[in-house]
Amino acid sequence: MSIFNVLGKKGTIEILYKIKEGVNSFTSIKNALDMEGYGVSTRTLAERLNELEEENLIQKDGSKYYLTKKGQEAIEIIENIMKWEAKWKEAKIPKIIIGMLGDKER
């Protein structure tokens, strides 16, 4: 499965962030997601954790989940994409200029 398919699934990025924050047992991840309005079913959470393990983004030690080096790097990439998105949301180009550019620079 492609890493993009895994990261694009409901709750996956939120799960990674919870683990990064030290919320690392199944129950604590589930409760934290529910409290923040990212509610995922128990079954979905189990599937996401298994997919993240298969992609080597997290590892399980006993009943706790931890980010791997690959998972830490994925978080850095996600944060950079979020910064990039914010930058371009702030760069509002007036419609008249877009019209003048036509299809040349879109």
PDB file of N, CA and C in Angstrom:
ATOM      1  N   MET A   1       0.852  -1.181   0.000  1.00  0.00           N
ATOM      2  CA  MET A   1       0.000   0.000   0.000  1.00  0.00           C
ATOM      3  C   MET A   1       0.894   1.239   0.000  1.00  0.00           C
ATOM      4  N   SER A   2       0.483   2.223  -0.751  1.00  0.00           N
ATOM      5  CA  SER A   2       1.237   3.466  -0.840  1.00  0.00           C
ATOM      6  C   SER A   2       1.133   4.258   0.463  1.00  0.00           C
ATOM      7  N   ILE A   3       2.200   4.934   0.821  1.00  0.00           N
ATOM      8  CA  ILE A   3       2.207   5.761   2.026  1.00  0.00           C
ATOM      9  C   ILE A   3       1.132   6.848   1.929  1.00  0.00           C
ATOM     10  N   PHE A   4       0.868   7.335   0.708  1.00  0.00           N
ATOM     11  CA  PHE A   4      -0.156   8.355   0.520  1.00  0.00           C
ATOM     12  C   PHE A   4      -1.542   7.788   0.822  1.00  0.00           C
ATOM     13  N   ASN A   5      -1.765   6.539   0.463  1.00  0.00           N
ATOM     14  CA  ASN A   5      -3.045   5.906   0.777  1.00  0.00           C
ATOM     15  C   ASN A   5      -3.236   5.790   2.284  1.00  0.00           C
ATOM     16  N   VAL A   6      -2.188   5.432   2.989  1.00  0.00           N
ATOM     17  CA  VAL A   6      -2.272   5.287   4.444  1.00  0.00           C
ATOM     18  C   VAL A   6      -2.500   6.649   5.097  1.00  0.00           C
ATOM     19  N   LEU A   7      -1.687   7.628   4.745  1.00  0.00           N
ATOM     20  CA  LEU A   7      -1.797   8.945   5.371  1.00  0.00           C
ATOM     21  C   LEU A   7      -3.103   9.653   5.022  1.00  0.00           C
ATOM     22  N   GLY A   8      -3.687   9.307   3.885  1.00  0.00           N
ATOM     23  CA  GLY A   8      -4.918   9.950   3.459  1.00  0.00           C
ATOM     24  C   GLY A   8      -6.173   9.408   4.112  1.00  0.00           C
ATOM     25  N   LYS A   9      -6.045   8.344   4.844  1.00  0.00           N
ATOM     26  CA  LYS A   9      -7.224   7.748   5.473  1.00  0.00           C
ATOM     27  C   LYS A   9      -7.634   8.508   6.726  1.00  0.00           C
ATOM     28  N   LYS A  10      -8.928   8.474   6.998  1.00  0.00           N
ATOM     29  CA  LYS A  10      -9.507   9.190   8.136  1.00  0.00           C
ATOM     30  C   LYS A  10      -8.771   8.874   9.438  1.00  0.00           C
ATOM     31  N   GLY A  11      -8.321   9.930  10.094  1.00  0.00           N
ATOM     32  CA  GLY A  11      -7.736   9.801  11.424  1.00  0.00           C
ATOM     33  C   GLY A  11      -6.254   9.471  11.475  1.00  0.00           C
ATOM     34  N   THR A  12      -5.659   9.101  10.354  1.00  0.00           N
ATOM     35  CA  THR A  12      -4.275   8.623  10.378  1.00  0.00           C
ATOM     36  C   THR A  12      -3.298   9.684  10.869  1.00  0.00           C
ATOM     37  N   ILE A  13      -3.369  10.867  10.313  1.00  0.00           N
ATOM     38  CA  ILE A  13      -2.426  11.920  10.716  1.00  0.00           C
ATOM     39  C   ILE A  13      -2.674  12.320  12.166  1.00  0.00           C
ATOM     40  N   GLU A  14      -3.932  12.375  12.568  1.00  0.00           N
ATOM     41  CA  GLU A  14      -4.260  12.698  13.951  1.00  0.00           C
ATOM     42  C   GLU A  14      -3.690  11.646  14.911  1.00  0.00           C
ATOM     43  N   ILE A  15      -3.739  10.391  14.498  1.00  0.00           N
ATOM     44  CA  ILE A  15      -3.176   9.305  15.320  1.00  0.00           C
ATOM     45  C   ILE A  15      -1.670   9.494  15.462  1.00  0.00           C
ATOM     46  N   LEU A  16      -0.991   9.793  14.359  1.00  0.00           N
ATOM     47  CA  LEU A  16       0.455  10.031  14.423  1.00  0.00           C
ATOM     48  C   LEU A  16       0.777  11.164  15.395  1.00  0.00           C
ATOM     49  N   TYR A  17       0.000  12.240  15.327  1.00  0.00           N
ATOM     50  CA  TYR A  17       0.249  13.382  16.218  1.00  0.00           C
ATOM     51  C   TYR A  17      -0.005  13.018  17.672  1.00  0.00           C
ATOM     52  N   LYS A  18      -1.018  12.226  17.944  1.00  0.00           N
ATOM     53  CA  LYS A  18      -1.279  11.804  19.325  1.00  0.00           C
ATOM     54  C   LYS A  18      -0.098  10.982  19.851  1.00  0.00           C
ATOM     55  N   ILE A  19       0.410  10.084  19.041  1.00  0.00           N
ATOM     56  CA  ILE A  19       1.555   9.274  19.463  1.00  0.00           C
ATOM     57  C   ILE A  19       2.773  10.173  19.676  1.00  0.00           C
ATOM     58  N   LYS A  20       2.963  11.136  18.792  1.00  0.00           N
ATOM     59  CA  LYS A  20       4.070  12.092  18.941  1.00  0.00           C
ATOM     60  C   LYS A  20       3.971  12.835  20.271  1.00  0.00           C
ATOM     61  N   GLU A  21       2.734  13.177  20.669  1.00  0.00           N
ATOM     62  CA  GLU A  21       2.499  13.913  21.910  1.00  0.00           C
ATOM     63  C   GLU A  21       2.608  13.034  23.155  1.00  0.00           C
ATOM     64  N   GLY A  22       2.856  11.728  22.969  1.00  0.00           N
ATOM     65  CA  GLY A  22       2.997  10.835  24.113  1.00  0.00           C
ATOM     66  C   GLY A  22       1.725  10.119  24.510  1.00  0.00           C
ATOM     67  N   VAL A  23       0.678  10.310  23.745  1.00  0.00           N
ATOM     68  CA  VAL A  23      -0.558   9.557  23.955  1.00  0.00           C
ATOM     69  C   VAL A  23      -0.352   8.251  23.205  1.00  0.00           C
ATOM     70  N   ASN A  24       0.000   7.182  23.935  1.00  0.00           N
ATOM     71  CA  ASN A  24       0.487   6.027  23.185  1.00  0.00           C
ATOM     72  C   ASN A  24      -0.134   4.676  23.502  1.00  0.00           C
ATOM     73  N   SER A  25      -1.181   4.615  24.308  1.00  0.00           N
ATOM     74  CA  SER A  25      -1.893   3.340  24.436  1.00  0.00           C
ATOM     75  C   SER A  25      -3.150   3.408  23.580  1.00  0.00           C
ATOM     76  N   PHE A  26      -3.662   2.269  23.186  1.00  0.00           N
ATOM     77  CA  PHE A  26      -4.834   2.216  22.328  1.00  0.00           C
ATOM     78  C   PHE A  26      -5.973   3.028  22.931  1.00  0.00           C
ATOM     79  N   THR A  27      -6.268   2.783  24.198  1.00  0.00           N
ATOM     80  CA  THR A  27      -7.388   3.455  24.859  1.00  0.00           C
ATOM     81  C   THR A  27      -7.167   4.959  24.959  1.00  0.00           C
ATOM     82  N   SER A  28      -5.952   5.381  25.297  1.00  0.00           N
ATOM     83  CA  SER A  28      -5.694   6.821  25.426  1.00  0.00           C
ATOM     84  C   SER A  28      -5.754   7.515  24.070  1.00  0.00           C
ATOM     85  N   ILE A  29      -5.313   6.848  23.009  1.00  0.00           N
ATOM     86  CA  ILE A  29      -5.419   7.423  21.661  1.00  0.00           C
ATOM     87  C   ILE A  29      -6.894   7.563  21.291  1.00  0.00           C
ATOM     88  N   LYS A  30      -7.667   6.518  21.528  1.00  0.00           N
ATOM     89  CA  LYS A  30      -9.101   6.531  21.219  1.00  0.00           C
ATOM     90  C   LYS A  30      -9.797   7.659  21.971  1.00  0.00           C
ATOM     91  N   ASN A  31      -9.541   7.768  23.262  1.00  0.00           N
ATOM     92  CA  ASN A  31     -10.173   8.814  24.075  1.00  0.00           C
ATOM     93  C   ASN A  31      -9.768  10.216  23.616  1.00  0.00           C
ATOM     94  N   ALA A  32      -8.483  10.402  23.313  1.00  0.00           N
ATOM     95  CA  ALA A  32      -7.996  11.716  22.873  1.00  0.00           C
ATOM     96  C   ALA A  32      -8.631  12.119  21.544  1.00  0.00           C
ATOM     97  N   LEU A  33      -8.733  11.182  20.616  1.00  0.00           N
ATOM     98  CA  LEU A  33      -9.363  11.479  19.324  1.00  0.00           C
ATOM     99  C   LEU A  33     -10.835  11.822  19.506  1.00  0.00           C
ATOM    100  N   ASP A  34     -11.518  11.075  20.370  1.00  0.00           N
ATOM    101  CA  ASP A  34     -12.933  11.351  20.630  1.00  0.00           C
ATOM    102  C   ASP A  34     -13.118  12.733  21.242  1.00  0.00           C
ATOM    103  N   MET A  35     -12.267  13.086  22.190  1.00  0.00           N
ATOM    104  CA  MET A  35     -12.383  14.383  22.871  1.00  0.00           C
ATOM    105  C   MET A  35     -12.171  15.554  21.910  1.00  0.00           C
ATOM    106  N   GLU A  36     -11.345  15.345  20.890  1.00  0.00           N
ATOM    107  CA  GLU A  36     -11.037  16.424  19.946  1.00  0.00           C
ATOM    108  C   GLU A  36     -11.932  16.400  18.708  1.00  0.00           C
ATOM    109  N   GLY A  37     -12.912  15.522  18.718  1.00  0.00           N
ATOM    110  CA  GLY A  37     -13.860  15.481  17.612  1.00  0.00           C
ATOM    111  C   GLY A  37     -13.407  14.712  16.390  1.00  0.00           C
ATOM    112  N   TYR A  38     -12.343  13.929  16.524  1.00  0.00           N
ATOM    113  CA  TYR A  38     -11.856  13.112  15.407  1.00  0.00           C
ATOM    114  C   TYR A  38     -12.311  11.672  15.577  1.00  0.00           C
ATOM    115  N   GLY A  39     -13.422  11.485  16.208  1.00  0.00           N
ATOM    116  CA  GLY A  39     -13.873  10.150  16.569  1.00  0.00           C
ATOM    117  C   GLY A  39     -13.740   9.135  15.448  1.00  0.00           C
ATOM    118  N   VAL A  40     -13.042   8.090  15.739  1.00  0.00           N
ATOM    119  CA  VAL A  40     -12.953   6.943  14.849  1.00  0.00           C
ATOM    120  C   VAL A  40     -13.398   5.739  15.668  1.00  0.00           C
ATOM    121  N   SER A  41     -13.986   4.771  14.997  1.00  0.00           N
ATOM    122  CA  SER A  41     -14.433   3.583  15.708  1.00  0.00           C
ATOM    123  C   SER A  41     -13.228   2.794  16.212  1.00  0.00           C
ATOM    124  N   THR A  42     -13.494   1.922  17.152  1.00  0.00           N
ATOM    125  CA  THR A  42     -12.434   1.065  17.687  1.00  0.00           C
ATOM    126  C   THR A  42     -11.816   0.238  16.569  1.00  0.00           C
ATOM    127  N   ARG A  43     -12.662  -0.271  15.695  1.00  0.00           N
ATOM    128  CA  ARG A  43     -12.177  -1.081  14.575  1.00  0.00           C
ATOM    129  C   ARG A  43     -11.286  -0.261  13.640  1.00  0.00           C
ATOM    130  N   THR A  44     -11.735   0.962  13.322  1.00  0.00           N
ATOM    131  CA  THR A  44     -10.953   1.826  12.431  1.00  0.00           C
ATOM    132  C   THR A  44      -9.615   2.185  13.067  1.00  0.00           C
ATOM    133  N   LEU A  45      -9.626   2.500  14.352  1.00  0.00           N
ATOM    134  CA  LEU A  45      -8.374   2.816  15.041  1.00  0.00           C
ATOM    135  C   LEU A  45      -7.412   1.636  14.968  1.00  0.00           C
ATOM    136  N   ALA A  46      -7.914   0.441  15.222  1.00  0.00           N
ATOM    137  CA  ALA A  46      -7.066  -0.763  15.146  1.00  0.00           C
ATOM    138  C   ALA A  46      -6.488  -0.931  13.743  1.00  0.00           C
ATOM    139  N   GLU A  47      -7.315  -0.706  12.723  1.00  0.00           N
ATOM    140  CA  GLU A  47      -6.838  -0.811  11.338  1.00  0.00           C
ATOM    141  C   GLU A  47      -5.747   0.213  11.053  1.00  0.00           C
ATOM    142  N   ARG A  48      -5.968   1.466  11.472  1.00  0.00           N
ATOM    143  CA  ARG A  48      -4.985   2.515  11.220  1.00  0.00           C
ATOM    144  C   ARG A  48      -3.670   2.219  11.918  1.00  0.00           C
ATOM    145  N   LEU A  49      -3.740   1.782  13.168  1.00  0.00           N
ATOM    146  CA  LEU A  49      -2.509   1.454  13.898  1.00  0.00           C
ATOM    147  C   LEU A  49      -1.764   0.320  13.207  1.00  0.00           C
ATOM    148  N   ASN A  50      -2.490  -0.689  12.738  1.00  0.00           N
ATOM    149  CA  ASN A  50      -1.844  -1.795  12.016  1.00  0.00           C
ATOM    150  C   ASN A  50      -1.201  -1.304  10.720  1.00  0.00           C
ATOM    151  N   GLU A  51      -1.895  -0.429   9.988  1.00  0.00           N
ATOM    152  CA  GLU A  51      -1.345   0.113   8.739  1.00  0.00           C
ATOM    153  C   GLU A  51      -0.101   0.957   9.009  1.00  0.00           C
ATOM    154  N   LEU A  52      -0.143   1.759  10.065  1.00  0.00           N
ATOM    155  CA  LEU A  52       1.022   2.570  10.421  1.00  0.00           C
ATOM    156  C   LEU A  52       2.205   1.692  10.825  1.00  0.00           C
ATOM    157  N   GLU A  53       1.922   0.589  11.503  1.00  0.00           N
ATOM    158  CA  GLU A  53       2.985  -0.363  11.847  1.00  0.00           C
ATOM    159  C   GLU A  53       3.557  -1.015  10.594  1.00  0.00           C
ATOM    160  N   GLU A  54       2.672  -1.431   9.678  1.00  0.00           N
ATOM    161  CA  GLU A  54       3.119  -2.073   8.434  1.00  0.00           C
ATOM    162  C   GLU A  54       4.002  -1.141   7.612  1.00  0.00           C
ATOM    163  N   GLU A  55       3.718   0.162   7.667  1.00  0.00           N
ATOM    164  CA  GLU A  55       4.518   1.151   6.936  1.00  0.00           C
ATOM    165  C   GLU A  55       5.759   1.572   7.725  1.00  0.00           C
ATOM    166  N   ASN A  56       5.946   0.985   8.909  1.00  0.00           N
ATOM    167  CA  ASN A  56       7.082   1.288   9.786  1.00  0.00           C
ATOM    168  C   ASN A  56       7.111   2.752  10.237  1.00  0.00           C
ATOM    169  N   LEU A  57       5.921   3.356  10.386  1.00  0.00           N
ATOM    170  CA  LEU A  57       5.837   4.716  10.911  1.00  0.00           C
ATOM    171  C   LEU A  57       5.731   4.694  12.433  1.00  0.00           C
ATOM    172  N   ILE A  58       5.190   3.605  12.964  1.00  0.00           N
ATOM    173  CA  ILE A  58       5.108   3.420  14.411  1.00  0.00           C
ATOM    174  C   ILE A  58       5.547   2.007  14.739  1.00  0.00           C
ATOM    175  N   GLN A  59       5.884   1.798  16.004  1.00  0.00           N
ATOM    176  CA  GLN A  59       6.162   0.447  16.478  1.00  0.00           C
ATOM    177  C   GLN A  59       5.427   0.253  17.791  1.00  0.00           C
ATOM    178  N   LYS A  60       5.099  -0.980  18.064  1.00  0.00           N
ATOM    179  CA  LYS A  60       4.386  -1.298  19.294  1.00  0.00           C
ATOM    180  C   LYS A  60       5.343  -2.008  20.232  1.00  0.00           C
ATOM    181  N   ASP A  61       5.359  -1.558  21.475  1.00  0.00           N
ATOM    182  CA  ASP A  61       6.181  -2.178  22.511  1.00  0.00           C
ATOM    183  C   ASP A  61       5.241  -2.492  23.672  1.00  0.00           C
ATOM    184  N   GLY A  62       4.870  -3.745  23.791  1.00  0.00           N
ATOM    185  CA  GLY A  62       3.868  -4.118  24.783  1.00  0.00           C
ATOM    186  C   GLY A  62       2.527  -3.546  24.361  1.00  0.00           C
ATOM    187  N   SER A  63       1.960  -2.690  25.189  1.00  0.00           N
ATOM    188  CA  SER A  63       0.672  -2.079  24.854  1.00  0.00           C
ATOM    189  C   SER A  63       0.818  -0.620  24.435  1.00  0.00           C
ATOM    190  N   LYS A  64       2.046  -0.179  24.211  1.00  0.00           N
ATOM    191  CA  LYS A  64       2.317   1.224  23.864  1.00  0.00           C
ATOM    192  C   LYS A  64       2.813   1.347  22.427  1.00  0.00           C
ATOM    193  N   TYR A  65       2.435   2.463  21.806  1.00  0.00           N
ATOM    194  CA  TYR A  65       2.871   2.767  20.446  1.00  0.00           C
ATOM    195  C   TYR A  65       3.850   3.937  20.480  1.00  0.00           C
ATOM    196  N   TYR A  66       4.858   3.861  19.626  1.00  0.00           N
ATOM    197  CA  TYR A  66       5.886   4.898  19.545  1.00  0.00           C
ATOM    198  C   TYR A  66       6.188   5.192  18.082  1.00  0.00           C
ATOM    199  N   LEU A  67       6.558   6.431  17.800  1.00  0.00           N
ATOM    200  CA  LEU A  67       6.989   6.786  16.451  1.00  0.00           C
ATOM    201  C   LEU A  67       8.352   6.169  16.175  1.00  0.00           C
ATOM    202  N   THR A  68       8.531   5.676  14.976  1.00  0.00           N
ATOM    203  CA  THR A  68       9.848   5.254  14.519  1.00  0.00           C
ATOM    204  C   THR A  68      10.552   6.477  13.940  1.00  0.00           C
ATOM    205  N   LYS A  69      11.781   6.316  13.544  1.00  0.00           N
ATOM    206  CA  LYS A  69      12.513   7.392  12.870  1.00  0.00           C
ATOM    207  C   LYS A  69      11.757   7.808  11.606  1.00  0.00           C
ATOM    208  N   LYS A  70      11.271   6.829  10.866  1.00  0.00           N
ATOM    209  CA  LYS A  70      10.497   7.120   9.652  1.00  0.00           C
ATOM    210  C   LYS A  70       9.235   7.904  10.011  1.00  0.00           C
ATOM    211  N   GLY A  71       8.586   7.558  11.111  1.00  0.00           N
ATOM    212  CA  GLY A  71       7.395   8.271  11.554  1.00  0.00           C
ATOM    213  C   GLY A  71       7.706   9.702  11.951  1.00  0.00           C
ATOM    214  N   GLN A  72       8.835   9.905  12.612  1.00  0.00           N
ATOM    215  CA  GLN A  72       9.249  11.259  12.995  1.00  0.00           C
ATOM    216  C   GLN A  72       9.508  12.106  11.751  1.00  0.00           C
ATOM    217  N   GLU A  73      10.157  11.502  10.753  1.00  0.00           N
ATOM    218  CA  GLU A  73      10.414  12.227   9.507  1.00  0.00           C
ATOM    219  C   GLU A  73       9.106  12.527   8.780  1.00  0.00           C
ATOM    220  N   ALA A  74       8.153  11.612   8.830  1.00  0.00           N
ATOM    221  CA  ALA A  74       6.847  11.846   8.194  1.00  0.00           C
ATOM    222  C   ALA A  74       6.146  13.037   8.836  1.00  0.00           C
ATOM    223  N   ILE A  75       6.221  13.134  10.160  1.00  0.00           N
ATOM    224  CA  ILE A  75       5.628  14.267  10.865  1.00  0.00           C
ATOM    225  C   ILE A  75       6.280  15.576  10.395  1.00  0.00           C
ATOM    226  N   GLU A  76       7.594  15.584  10.249  1.00  0.00           N
ATOM    227  CA  GLU A  76       8.294  16.786   9.768  1.00  0.00           C
ATOM    228  C   GLU A  76       7.810  17.180   8.376  1.00  0.00           C
ATOM    229  N   ILE A  77       7.634  16.193   7.519  1.00  0.00           N
ATOM    230  CA  ILE A  77       7.164  16.462   6.154  1.00  0.00           C
ATOM    231  C   ILE A  77       5.742  17.012   6.185  1.00  0.00           C
ATOM    232  N   ILE A  78       4.884  16.420   6.994  1.00  0.00           N
ATOM    233  CA  ILE A  78       3.496  16.886   7.123  1.00  0.00           C
ATOM    234  C   ILE A  78       3.473  18.326   7.619  1.00  0.00           C
ATOM    235  N   GLU A  79       4.315  18.636   8.599  1.00  0.00           N
ATOM    236  CA  GLU A  79       4.367  20.000   9.122  1.00  0.00           C
ATOM    237  C   GLU A  79       4.839  20.985   8.059  1.00  0.00           C
ATOM    238  N   ASN A  80       5.800  20.573   7.237  1.00  0.00           N
ATOM    239  CA  ASN A  80       6.263  21.447   6.144  1.00  0.00           C
ATOM    240  C   ASN A  80       5.164  21.672   5.113  1.00  0.00           C
ATOM    241  N   ILE A  81       4.387  20.644   4.825  1.00  0.00           N
ATOM    242  CA  ILE A  81       3.276  20.795   3.889  1.00  0.00           C
ATOM    243  C   ILE A  81       2.230  21.744   4.469  1.00  0.00           C
ATOM    244  N   MET A  82       1.983  21.653   5.769  1.00  0.00           N
ATOM    245  CA  MET A  82       1.022  22.549   6.413  1.00  0.00           C
ATOM    246  C   MET A  82       1.501  24.001   6.344  1.00  0.00           C
ATOM    247  N   LYS A  83       2.801  24.224   6.535  1.00  0.00           N
ATOM    248  CA  LYS A  83       3.363  25.576   6.421  1.00  0.00           C
ATOM    249  C   LYS A  83       3.224  26.091   4.988  1.00  0.00           C
ATOM    250  N   TRP A  84       3.508  25.222   4.032  1.00  0.00           N
ATOM    251  CA  TRP A  84       3.401  25.585   2.621  1.00  0.00           C
ATOM    252  C   TRP A  84       1.958  25.958   2.281  1.00  0.00           C
ATOM    253  N   GLU A  85       1.012  25.155   2.762  1.00  0.00           N
ATOM    254  CA  GLU A  85      -0.398  25.445   2.513  1.00  0.00           C
ATOM    255  C   GLU A  85      -0.792  26.799   3.109  1.00  0.00           C
ATOM    256  N   ALA A  86      -0.374  27.059   4.353  1.00  0.00           N
ATOM    257  CA  ALA A  86      -0.702  28.328   5.015  1.00  0.00           C
ATOM    258  C   ALA A  86      -0.116  29.511   4.243  1.00  0.00           C
ATOM    259  N   LYS A  87       1.101  29.334   3.749  1.00  0.00           N
ATOM    260  CA  LYS A  87       1.752  30.403   2.975  1.00  0.00           C
ATOM    261  C   LYS A  87       0.915  30.760   1.759  1.00  0.00           C
ATOM    262  N   TRP A  88       0.426  29.767   1.048  1.00  0.00           N
ATOM    263  CA  TRP A  88      -0.304  30.025  -0.178  1.00  0.00           C
ATOM    264  C   TRP A  88      -1.743  30.435   0.080  1.00  0.00           C
ATOM    265  N   LYS A  89      -2.285  30.089   1.223  1.00  0.00           N
ATOM    266  CA  LYS A  89      -3.613  30.587   1.583  1.00  0.00           C
ATOM    267  C   LYS A  89      -3.548  32.080   1.849  1.00  0.00           C
ATOM    268  N   GLU A  90      -2.429  32.523   2.429  1.00  0.00           N
ATOM    269  CA  GLU A  90      -2.245  33.934   2.748  1.00  0.00           C
ATOM    270  C   GLU A  90      -1.945  34.761   1.503  1.00  0.00           C
ATOM    271  N   ALA A  91      -1.403  34.130   0.486  1.00  0.00           N
ATOM    272  CA  ALA A  91      -1.040  34.842  -0.745  1.00  0.00           C
ATOM    273  C   ALA A  91      -2.276  34.952  -1.626  1.00  0.00           C
ATOM    274  N   LYS A  92      -3.104  35.919  -1.331  1.00  0.00           N
ATOM    275  CA  LYS A  92      -4.340  36.101  -2.095  1.00  0.00           C
ATOM    276  C   LYS A  92      -4.042  36.986  -3.297  1.00  0.00           C
ATOM    277  N   ILE A  93      -4.237  36.430  -4.451  1.00  0.00           N
ATOM    278  CA  ILE A  93      -3.993  37.160  -5.689  1.00  0.00           C
ATOM    279  C   ILE A  93      -5.339  37.694  -6.173  1.00  0.00           C
ATOM    280  N   PRO A  94      -5.433  38.977  -6.403  1.00  0.00           N
ATOM    281  CA  PRO A  94      -6.700  39.541  -6.883  1.00  0.00           C
ATOM    282  C   PRO A  94      -7.147  38.869  -8.179  1.00  0.00           C
ATOM    283  N   LYS A  95      -8.476  38.682  -8.310  1.00  0.00           N
ATOM    284  CA  LYS A  95      -9.031  38.004  -9.483  1.00  0.00           C
ATOM    285  C   LYS A  95      -8.672  38.718 -10.776  1.00  0.00           C
ATOM    286  N   ILE A  96      -8.565  40.032 -10.729  1.00  0.00           N
ATOM    287  CA  ILE A  96      -8.235  40.774 -11.948  1.00  0.00           C
ATOM    288  C   ILE A  96      -6.850  40.387 -12.472  1.00  0.00           C
ATOM    289  N   ILE A  97      -5.924  40.156 -11.549  1.00  0.00           N
ATOM    290  CA  ILE A  97      -4.568  39.751 -11.964  1.00  0.00           C
ATOM    291  C   ILE A  97      -4.603  38.334 -12.518  1.00  0.00           C
ATOM    292  N   ILE A  98      -5.371  37.467 -11.871  1.00  0.00           N
ATOM    293  CA  ILE A  98      -5.492  36.092 -12.380  1.00  0.00           C
ATOM    294  C   ILE A  98      -6.065  36.122 -13.792  1.00  0.00           C
ATOM    295  N   GLY A  99      -7.068  36.984 -14.014  1.00  0.00           N
ATOM    296  CA  GLY A  99      -7.652  37.111 -15.346  1.00  0.00           C
ATOM    297  C   GLY A  99      -6.646  37.604 -16.367  1.00  0.00           C
ATOM    298  N   MET A 100      -5.778  38.513 -15.950  1.00  0.00           N
ATOM    299  CA  MET A 100      -4.753  39.049 -16.853  1.00  0.00           C
ATOM    300  C   MET A 100      -3.717  37.982 -17.199  1.00  0.00           C
ATOM    301  N   LEU A 101      -3.453  37.098 -16.246  1.00  0.00           N
ATOM    302  CA  LEU A 101      -2.467  36.058 -16.504  1.00  0.00           C
ATOM    303  C   LEU A 101      -3.001  34.976 -17.415  1.00  0.00           C
ATOM    304  N   GLY A 102      -4.313  34.821 -17.409  1.00  0.00           N
ATOM    305  CA  GLY A 102      -4.916  33.765 -18.224  1.00  0.00           C
ATOM    306  C   GLY A 102      -4.420  32.423 -17.735  1.00  0.00           C
ATOM    307  N   ASP A 103      -4.169  31.527 -18.633  1.00  0.00           N
ATOM    308  CA  ASP A 103      -3.703  30.192 -18.278  1.00  0.00           C
ATOM    309  C   ASP A 103      -2.178  30.097 -18.228  1.00  0.00           C
ATOM    310  N   LYS A 104      -1.494  31.203 -18.429  1.00  0.00           N
ATOM    311  CA  LYS A 104      -0.042  31.178 -18.540  1.00  0.00           C
ATOM    312  C   LYS A 104       0.661  30.715 -17.276  1.00  0.00           C
ATOM    313  N   GLU A 105       0.207  31.177 -16.096  1.00  0.00           N
ATOM    314  CA  GLU A 105       0.993  30.916 -14.897  1.00  0.00           C
ATOM    315  C   GLU A 105       0.170  30.289 -13.774  1.00  0.00           C
ATOM    316  N   ARG A 106      -0.840  29.603 -14.072  1.00  0.00           N
ATOM    317  CA  ARG A 106      -1.634  28.956 -13.024  1.00  0.00           C
ATOM    318  C   ARG A 106      -1.051  27.668 -12.599  1.00  0.00           C
TER     319      ARG A 106
END
